Amino acid sequence: MLHNRLTLPVLNRYRQLALDGLWKNNQALVALLGLCPLLAVSNSVVNSLGLGLATTVALVFSNTIVSLIRNYVSNEVRLPVFVLVIAANVTVIELLMNAFFHDLHKILGIFIPLIVTNCAIIGRAEAFASKNPVDRALADGLFMGLGFSCALVALGALREAIGTGTLFARADLMFGDSAKQWTIQLFDDYGGFLLAVLPPGAFIGLGLLIAIKNLVDARAARNMATSPASHAATHLSQPTA
């Protein structure tokens, strides 16, 4: 019984971290951080997935290391040290991508090293990892990275589907030659829609995703307000004569 009482708050804590990272405080759709690479390379699912995974790995390792050294770094040099940690992690990620995913690395180009300047990463290091133990910092980095990756892939899928009428084109860039057959042709004899794969299409697509999220949140809030449990809680909270 004591073990269950101790475990439940921990599970609730991780559940809240997951909900914040994936939805409530999504760095791309709510905080609107890291938009430069998000808008620049999200013209296909594969490009988006590659950058999303690289950003997630950078977030996880940066948060973990910052949490480990948080008690040994003075406030005067805190931010420069955090940036140095992030830069070292991103450098390792870039070298590994260049070695194992060379063609994808060439396509993503400058936006891989620009992960260093991603405000989402330095923001989580400063606002969360530097104030929390390693396990929570690691979980926060993982869920924030996955939330950013999901938004990136959703935008990439939307732009690729409208722009070229396909999904998972050039999947072999990440998954090898066996993935060349993974391309899904959504429309026959589709001429394409150039605007979707150009920079204006990225802004329009991101705006649509944010609008959809806001509609879902608004509907959930209305359903909660009209639920019997909500009415009961409101009735109980009212003072009696």
C-alpha atoms as a PDB file:
ATOM      1  CA  MET A   1       0.000   0.000   0.000  1.00  0.00           C
ATOM      2  CA  LEU A   2       2.817   2.423   0.887  1.00  0.00           C
ATOM      3  CA  HIS A   3       4.568   1.579  -2.404  1.00  0.00           C
ATOM      4  CA  ASN A   4       1.382   2.395  -4.329  1.00  0.00           C
ATOM      5  CA  ARG A   5       1.032   5.697  -2.503  1.00  0.00           C
ATOM      6  CA  LEU A   6       4.590   6.622  -3.402  1.00  0.00           C
ATOM      7  CA  THR A   7       4.276   5.460  -7.002  1.00  0.00           C
ATOM      8  CA  LEU A   8       1.067   7.299  -7.871  1.00  0.00           C
ATOM      9  CA  PRO A   9       2.451  10.851  -7.454  1.00  0.00           C
ATOM     10  CA  VAL A  10       5.487   9.882  -9.540  1.00  0.00           C
ATOM     11  CA  LEU A  11       3.295   8.534 -12.334  1.00  0.00           C
ATOM     12  CA  ASN A  12       1.123  11.641 -12.200  1.00  0.00           C
ATOM     13  CA  ARG A  13       4.241  13.794 -12.422  1.00  0.00           C
ATOM     14  CA  TYR A  14       5.475  12.001 -15.538  1.00  0.00           C
ATOM     15  CA  ARG A  15       1.979  12.034 -17.008  1.00  0.00           C
ATOM     16  CA  GLN A  16       1.880  15.807 -16.589  1.00  0.00           C
ATOM     17  CA  LEU A  17       5.304  16.155 -18.218  1.00  0.00           C
ATOM     18  CA  ALA A  18       4.078  14.076 -21.170  1.00  0.00           C
ATOM     19  CA  LEU A  19       0.877  16.098 -21.508  1.00  0.00           C
ATOM     20  CA  ASP A  20       2.771  19.392 -21.369  1.00  0.00           C
ATOM     21  CA  GLY A  21       5.405  18.339 -23.896  1.00  0.00           C
ATOM     22  CA  LEU A  22       3.116  16.653 -26.383  1.00  0.00           C
ATOM     23  CA  TRP A  23       0.142  18.979 -26.220  1.00  0.00           C
ATOM     24  CA  LYS A  24      -0.458  21.685 -23.607  1.00  0.00           C
ATOM     25  CA  ASN A  25       2.964  23.357 -23.900  1.00  0.00           C
ATOM     26  CA  ASN A  26       4.004  22.052 -27.314  1.00  0.00           C
ATOM     27  CA  GLN A  27       7.093  24.065 -28.255  1.00  0.00           C
ATOM     28  CA  ALA A  28       6.018  24.488 -31.892  1.00  0.00           C
ATOM     29  CA  LEU A  29       2.246  24.979 -31.565  1.00  0.00           C
ATOM     30  CA  VAL A  30       1.985  26.799 -28.222  1.00  0.00           C
ATOM     31  CA  ALA A  31       5.337  28.325 -27.311  1.00  0.00           C
ATOM     32  CA  LEU A  32       6.094  28.971 -31.024  1.00  0.00           C
ATOM     33  CA  LEU A  33       9.800  28.260 -30.516  1.00  0.00           C
ATOM     34  CA  GLY A  34      12.215  26.816 -33.058  1.00  0.00           C
ATOM     35  CA  LEU A  35      10.148  28.041 -35.986  1.00  0.00           C
ATOM     36  CA  CYS A  36      13.086  28.773 -38.300  1.00  0.00           C
ATOM     37  CA  PRO A  37      14.104  25.130 -38.927  1.00  0.00           C
ATOM     38  CA  LEU A  38      10.517  23.970 -38.517  1.00  0.00           C
ATOM     39  CA  LEU A  39       9.316  26.139 -41.385  1.00  0.00           C
ATOM     40  CA  ALA A  40      12.409  25.705 -43.526  1.00  0.00           C
ATOM     41  CA  VAL A  41      12.712  21.920 -43.841  1.00  0.00           C
ATOM     42  CA  SER A  42       9.146  20.729 -43.271  1.00  0.00           C
ATOM     43  CA  ASN A  43       8.340  20.205 -46.958  1.00  0.00           C
ATOM     44  CA  SER A  44       8.288  16.410 -46.573  1.00  0.00           C
ATOM     45  CA  VAL A  45       7.701  13.796 -43.885  1.00  0.00           C
ATOM     46  CA  VAL A  46      11.229  12.388 -44.090  1.00  0.00           C
ATOM     47  CA  ASN A  47      12.952  15.767 -43.780  1.00  0.00           C
ATOM     48  CA  SER A  48      10.698  16.672 -40.858  1.00  0.00           C
ATOM     49  CA  LEU A  49      11.294  13.358 -39.123  1.00  0.00           C
ATOM     50  CA  GLY A  50      15.059  13.659 -39.502  1.00  0.00           C
ATOM     51  CA  LEU A  51      15.213  17.134 -38.006  1.00  0.00           C
ATOM     52  CA  GLY A  52      12.652  16.256 -35.336  1.00  0.00           C
ATOM     53  CA  LEU A  53      14.632  13.258 -34.114  1.00  0.00           C
ATOM     54  CA  ALA A  54      17.874  15.247 -34.111  1.00  0.00           C
ATOM     55  CA  THR A  55      16.206  17.970 -32.038  1.00  0.00           C
ATOM     56  CA  THR A  56      14.747  15.400 -29.640  1.00  0.00           C
ATOM     57  CA  VAL A  57      18.137  13.779 -29.051  1.00  0.00           C
ATOM     58  CA  ALA A  58      19.681  17.210 -28.488  1.00  0.00           C
ATOM     59  CA  LEU A  59      16.948  18.085 -25.972  1.00  0.00           C
ATOM     60  CA  VAL A  60      17.299  14.825 -24.051  1.00  0.00           C
ATOM     61  CA  PHE A  61      21.070  14.951 -23.702  1.00  0.00           C
ATOM     62  CA  SER A  62      21.235  18.696 -23.075  1.00  0.00           C
ATOM     63  CA  ASN A  63      18.577  18.545 -20.357  1.00  0.00           C
ATOM     64  CA  THR A  64      20.263  15.561 -18.729  1.00  0.00           C
ATOM     65  CA  ILE A  65      23.718  17.123 -18.672  1.00  0.00           C
ATOM     66  CA  VAL A  66      22.426  20.502 -17.482  1.00  0.00           C
ATOM     67  CA  SER A  67      20.588  18.794 -14.635  1.00  0.00           C
ATOM     68  CA  LEU A  68      23.726  16.869 -13.672  1.00  0.00           C
ATOM     69  CA  ILE A  69      25.887  20.001 -13.486  1.00  0.00           C
ATOM     70  CA  ARG A  70      23.258  22.432 -12.190  1.00  0.00           C
ATOM     71  CA  ASN A  71      24.680  22.497  -8.656  1.00  0.00           C
ATOM     72  CA  TYR A  72      28.240  23.083  -9.856  1.00  0.00           C
ATOM     73  CA  VAL A  73      27.683  26.038 -12.207  1.00  0.00           C
ATOM     74  CA  SER A  74      27.438  29.547 -10.791  1.00  0.00           C
ATOM     75  CA  ASN A  75      24.711  31.908 -11.915  1.00  0.00           C
ATOM     76  CA  GLU A  76      27.237  34.262 -13.527  1.00  0.00           C
ATOM     77  CA  VAL A  77      28.286  31.728 -16.180  1.00  0.00           C
ATOM     78  CA  ARG A  78      25.120  29.621 -16.271  1.00  0.00           C
ATOM     79  CA  LEU A  79      23.852  30.519 -19.742  1.00  0.00           C
ATOM     80  CA  PRO A  80      27.234  30.327 -21.529  1.00  0.00           C
ATOM     81  CA  VAL A  81      27.808  26.894 -20.008  1.00  0.00           C
ATOM     82  CA  PHE A  82      24.358  25.730 -21.121  1.00  0.00           C
ATOM     83  CA  VAL A  83      25.006  26.952 -24.661  1.00  0.00           C
ATOM     84  CA  LEU A  84      28.359  25.155 -24.668  1.00  0.00           C
ATOM     85  CA  VAL A  85      26.672  21.914 -23.566  1.00  0.00           C
ATOM     86  CA  ILE A  86      24.037  22.238 -26.281  1.00  0.00           C
ATOM     87  CA  ALA A  87      26.640  23.061 -28.939  1.00  0.00           C
ATOM     88  CA  ALA A  88      28.711  20.004 -28.000  1.00  0.00           C
ATOM     89  CA  ASN A  89      25.663  17.739 -28.222  1.00  0.00           C
ATOM     90  CA  VAL A  90      24.569  19.170 -31.557  1.00  0.00           C
ATOM     91  CA  THR A  91      28.085  18.784 -32.964  1.00  0.00           C
ATOM     92  CA  VAL A  92      28.086  15.085 -32.070  1.00  0.00           C
ATOM     93  CA  ILE A  93      24.612  14.666 -33.603  1.00  0.00           C
ATOM     94  CA  GLU A  94      25.684  16.419 -36.796  1.00  0.00           C
ATOM     95  CA  LEU A  95      28.800  14.260 -37.167  1.00  0.00           C
ATOM     96  CA  LEU A  96      26.766  11.086 -36.635  1.00  0.00           C
ATOM     97  CA  MET A  97      24.147  12.164 -39.167  1.00  0.00           C
ATOM     98  CA  ASN A  98      26.852  13.012 -41.676  1.00  0.00           C
ATOM     99  CA  ALA A  99      28.361   9.564 -41.177  1.00  0.00           C
ATOM    100  CA  PHE A 100      25.212   7.427 -41.214  1.00  0.00           C
ATOM    101  CA  PHE A 101      22.620   9.566 -43.035  1.00  0.00           C
ATOM    102  CA  HIS A 102      24.836  11.532 -45.399  1.00  0.00           C
ATOM    103  CA  ASP A 103      22.233  12.317 -48.072  1.00  0.00           C
ATOM    104  CA  LEU A 104      19.690  13.463 -45.505  1.00  0.00           C
ATOM    105  CA  HIS A 105      22.403  15.494 -43.796  1.00  0.00           C
ATOM    106  CA  LYS A 106      23.084  17.297 -47.082  1.00  0.00           C
ATOM    107  CA  ILE A 107      19.387  18.082 -47.539  1.00  0.00           C
ATOM    108  CA  LEU A 108      18.913  19.443 -44.019  1.00  0.00           C
ATOM    109  CA  GLY A 109      22.162  21.386 -44.374  1.00  0.00           C
ATOM    110  CA  ILE A 110      22.693  24.371 -42.119  1.00  0.00           C
ATOM    111  CA  PHE A 111      19.560  23.660 -40.102  1.00  0.00           C
ATOM    112  CA  ILE A 112      21.240  20.829 -38.183  1.00  0.00           C
ATOM    113  CA  PRO A 113      23.948  23.043 -36.608  1.00  0.00           C
ATOM    114  CA  LEU A 114      21.281  25.723 -36.143  1.00  0.00           C
ATOM    115  CA  ILE A 115      19.684  23.439 -33.551  1.00  0.00           C
ATOM    116  CA  VAL A 116      22.177  25.109 -31.194  1.00  0.00           C
ATOM    117  CA  THR A 117      20.212  28.350 -31.513  1.00  0.00           C
ATOM    118  CA  ASN A 118      16.821  26.663 -31.080  1.00  0.00           C
ATOM    119  CA  CYS A 119      15.135  28.630 -28.324  1.00  0.00           C
ATOM    120  CA  ALA A 120      13.186  25.550 -27.242  1.00  0.00           C
ATOM    121  CA  ILE A 121      16.399  23.790 -26.176  1.00  0.00           C
ATOM    122  CA  ILE A 122      18.024  26.649 -24.286  1.00  0.00           C
ATOM    123  CA  GLY A 123      14.607  27.521 -22.858  1.00  0.00           C
ATOM    124  CA  ARG A 124      14.062  24.042 -21.402  1.00  0.00           C
ATOM    125  CA  ALA A 125      17.625  23.951 -20.088  1.00  0.00           C
ATOM    126  CA  GLU A 126      17.169  27.257 -18.282  1.00  0.00           C
ATOM    127  CA  ALA A 127      13.522  26.973 -17.200  1.00  0.00           C
ATOM    128  CA  PHE A 128      13.362  23.292 -16.273  1.00  0.00           C
ATOM    129  CA  ALA A 129      16.556  21.215 -16.366  1.00  0.00           C
ATOM    130  CA  SER A 130      18.548  23.647 -14.235  1.00  0.00           C
ATOM    131  CA  LYS A 131      15.909  23.419 -11.488  1.00  0.00           C
ATOM    132  CA  ASN A 132      14.990  19.723 -11.480  1.00  0.00           C
ATOM    133  CA  PRO A 133      16.635  16.317 -10.880  1.00  0.00           C
ATOM    134  CA  VAL A 134      17.982  14.218 -13.715  1.00  0.00           C
ATOM    135  CA  ASP A 135      15.010  11.891 -14.164  1.00  0.00           C
ATOM    136  CA  ARG A 136      12.518  14.723 -14.569  1.00  0.00           C
ATOM    137  CA  ALA A 137      14.889  16.733 -16.782  1.00  0.00           C
ATOM    138  CA  LEU A 138      15.385  13.733 -19.064  1.00  0.00           C
ATOM    139  CA  ALA A 139      11.632  13.101 -19.264  1.00  0.00           C
ATOM    140  CA  ASP A 140      10.967  16.772 -19.983  1.00  0.00           C
ATOM    141  CA  GLY A 141      13.521  16.784 -22.807  1.00  0.00           C
ATOM    142  CA  LEU A 142      12.080  13.588 -24.270  1.00  0.00           C
ATOM    143  CA  PHE A 143       8.454  14.716 -24.263  1.00  0.00           C
ATOM    144  CA  MET A 144       9.226  18.256 -25.403  1.00  0.00           C
ATOM    145  CA  GLY A 145      11.284  16.807 -28.255  1.00  0.00           C
ATOM    146  CA  LEU A 146       8.578  14.335 -29.211  1.00  0.00           C
ATOM    147  CA  GLY A 147       5.976  17.093 -29.166  1.00  0.00           C
ATOM    148  CA  PHE A 148       8.151  19.247 -31.418  1.00  0.00           C
ATOM    149  CA  SER A 149       8.776  16.256 -33.705  1.00  0.00           C
ATOM    150  CA  CYS A 150       5.064  15.435 -33.951  1.00  0.00           C
ATOM    151  CA  ALA A 151       4.252  19.007 -34.957  1.00  0.00           C
ATOM    152  CA  LEU A 152       7.117  18.974 -37.455  1.00  0.00           C
ATOM    153  CA  VAL A 153       6.032  15.666 -39.018  1.00  0.00           C
ATOM    154  CA  ALA A 154       2.386  16.749 -39.152  1.00  0.00           C
ATOM    155  CA  LEU A 155       3.381  19.934 -40.971  1.00  0.00           C
ATOM    156  CA  GLY A 156       5.666  17.972 -43.290  1.00  0.00           C
ATOM    157  CA  ALA A 157       2.898  15.479 -44.091  1.00  0.00           C
ATOM    158  CA  LEU A 158       0.423  18.274 -44.803  1.00  0.00           C
ATOM    159  CA  ARG A 159       2.801  20.131 -47.103  1.00  0.00           C
ATOM    160  CA  GLU A 160       3.998  17.000 -48.891  1.00  0.00           C
ATOM    161  CA  ALA A 161       0.460  15.697 -49.430  1.00  0.00           C
ATOM    162  CA  ILE A 162      -0.801  18.981 -50.855  1.00  0.00           C
ATOM    163  CA  GLY A 163       2.394  19.955 -52.631  1.00  0.00           C
ATOM    164  CA  THR A 164       3.308  16.700 -54.387  1.00  0.00           C
ATOM    165  CA  GLY A 165       0.438  14.305 -53.642  1.00  0.00           C
ATOM    166  CA  THR A 166       2.690  11.809 -51.839  1.00  0.00           C
ATOM    167  CA  LEU A 167       3.687  10.717 -48.351  1.00  0.00           C
ATOM    168  CA  PHE A 168       6.999   9.211 -47.185  1.00  0.00           C
ATOM    169  CA  ALA A 169       8.779  10.069 -50.429  1.00  0.00           C
ATOM    170  CA  ARG A 170      12.549   9.428 -50.206  1.00  0.00           C
ATOM    171  CA  ALA A 171      12.121   7.368 -47.038  1.00  0.00           C
ATOM    172  CA  ASP A 172      15.310   5.552 -48.059  1.00  0.00           C
ATOM    173  CA  LEU A 173      17.254   8.610 -46.872  1.00  0.00           C
ATOM    174  CA  MET A 174      16.587   7.457 -43.311  1.00  0.00           C
ATOM    175  CA  PHE A 175      15.641   3.791 -43.525  1.00  0.00           C
ATOM    176  CA  GLY A 176      17.817   2.404 -46.318  1.00  0.00           C
ATOM    177  CA  ASP A 177      17.134   1.016 -49.770  1.00  0.00           C
ATOM    178  CA  SER A 178      14.335  -1.232 -48.532  1.00  0.00           C
ATOM    179  CA  ALA A 179      12.261   1.900 -47.812  1.00  0.00           C
ATOM    180  CA  LYS A 180      12.195   3.045 -51.451  1.00  0.00           C
ATOM    181  CA  GLN A 181       8.840   1.277 -51.811  1.00  0.00           C
ATOM    182  CA  TRP A 182       7.304   3.109 -48.864  1.00  0.00           C
ATOM    183  CA  THR A 183       6.167   6.092 -50.933  1.00  0.00           C
ATOM    184  CA  ILE A 184       2.390   6.499 -50.807  1.00  0.00           C
ATOM    185  CA  GLN A 185       0.843   8.069 -53.908  1.00  0.00           C
ATOM    186  CA  LEU A 186      -2.269   9.854 -52.692  1.00  0.00           C
ATOM    187  CA  PHE A 187      -3.543  11.140 -56.022  1.00  0.00           C
ATOM    188  CA  ASP A 188      -3.205   9.825 -59.570  1.00  0.00           C
ATOM    189  CA  ASP A 189      -1.922  12.247 -62.209  1.00  0.00           C
ATOM    190  CA  TYR A 190      -1.526  14.971 -59.592  1.00  0.00           C
ATOM    191  CA  GLY A 191       0.221  18.039 -60.951  1.00  0.00           C
ATOM    192  CA  GLY A 192       1.265  19.315 -57.551  1.00  0.00           C
ATOM    193  CA  PHE A 193       0.624  22.583 -55.733  1.00  0.00           C
ATOM    194  CA  LEU A 194       3.831  24.588 -55.625  1.00  0.00           C
ATOM    195  CA  LEU A 195       2.734  27.013 -52.901  1.00  0.00           C
ATOM    196  CA  ALA A 196       2.550  24.196 -50.347  1.00  0.00           C
ATOM    197  CA  VAL A 197       6.246  23.348 -50.611  1.00  0.00           C
ATOM    198  CA  LEU A 198       7.407  26.983 -50.711  1.00  0.00           C
ATOM    199  CA  PRO A 199       8.025  29.064 -47.553  1.00  0.00           C
ATOM    200  CA  PRO A 200       4.554  30.711 -47.628  1.00  0.00           C
ATOM    201  CA  GLY A 201       3.041  27.225 -47.540  1.00  0.00           C
ATOM    202  CA  ALA A 202       4.928  26.527 -44.317  1.00  0.00           C
ATOM    203  CA  PHE A 203       3.403  29.563 -42.613  1.00  0.00           C
ATOM    204  CA  ILE A 204      -0.089  28.683 -43.852  1.00  0.00           C
ATOM    205  CA  GLY A 205       0.283  25.047 -42.801  1.00  0.00           C
ATOM    206  CA  LEU A 206       1.551  25.963 -39.339  1.00  0.00           C
ATOM    207  CA  GLY A 207      -1.348  28.367 -38.922  1.00  0.00           C
ATOM    208  CA  LEU A 208      -3.796  25.576 -39.807  1.00  0.00           C
ATOM    209  CA  LEU A 209      -2.217  23.209 -37.273  1.00  0.00           C
ATOM    210  CA  ILE A 210      -2.386  25.861 -34.543  1.00  0.00           C
ATOM    211  CA  ALA A 211      -6.021  26.587 -35.439  1.00  0.00           C
ATOM    212  CA  ILE A 212      -6.891  22.880 -35.253  1.00  0.00           C
ATOM    213  CA  LYS A 213      -5.217  22.564 -31.846  1.00  0.00           C
ATOM    214  CA  ASN A 214      -7.079  25.615 -30.545  1.00  0.00           C
ATOM    215  CA  LEU A 215     -10.396  24.196 -31.790  1.00  0.00           C
ATOM    216  CA  VAL A 216      -9.713  20.872 -30.079  1.00  0.00           C
ATOM    217  CA  ASP A 217      -8.799  22.633 -26.824  1.00  0.00           C
ATOM    218  CA  ALA A 218     -11.892  24.848 -26.995  1.00  0.00           C
ATOM    219  CA  ARG A 219     -14.155  21.861 -27.613  1.00  0.00           C
ATOM    220  CA  ALA A 220     -12.566  19.934 -24.731  1.00  0.00           C
ATOM    221  CA  ALA A 221     -13.078  22.931 -22.440  1.00  0.00           C
ATOM    222  CA  ARG A 222     -16.753  23.182 -23.444  1.00  0.00           C
ATOM    223  CA  ASN A 223     -17.296  19.464 -22.875  1.00  0.00           C
ATOM    224  CA  MET A 224     -15.680  19.694 -19.467  1.00  0.00           C
ATOM    225  CA  ALA A 225     -17.797  22.700 -18.538  1.00  0.00           C
ATOM    226  CA  THR A 226     -21.027  20.910 -19.493  1.00  0.00           C
ATOM    227  CA  SER A 227     -20.160  17.519 -17.941  1.00  0.00           C
ATOM    228  CA  PRO A 228     -22.270  16.272 -14.995  1.00  0.00           C
ATOM    229  CA  ALA A 229     -19.186  16.172 -12.755  1.00  0.00           C
ATOM    230  CA  SER A 230     -18.519  19.832 -13.477  1.00  0.00           C
ATOM    231  CA  HIS A 231     -22.116  20.774 -12.649  1.00  0.00           C
ATOM    232  CA  ALA A 232     -21.948  18.771  -9.425  1.00  0.00           C
ATOM    233  CA  ALA A 233     -18.715  20.477  -8.394  1.00  0.00           C
ATOM    234  CA  THR A 234     -20.209  23.887  -9.161  1.00  0.00           C
ATOM    235  CA  HIS A 235     -23.344  23.085  -7.157  1.00  0.00           C
ATOM    236  CA  LEU A 236     -21.326  21.895  -4.174  1.00  0.00           C
ATOM    237  CA  SER A 237     -19.121  24.979  -4.259  1.00  0.00           C
ATOM    238  CA  GLN A 238     -22.114  27.358  -4.076  1.00  0.00           C
ATOM    239  CA  PRO A 239     -22.921  28.654  -0.576  1.00  0.00           C
ATOM    240  CA  THR A 240     -26.185  27.519   0.963  1.00  0.00           C
ATOM    241  CA  ALA A 241     -28.715  29.955   2.388  1.00  0.00           C
END
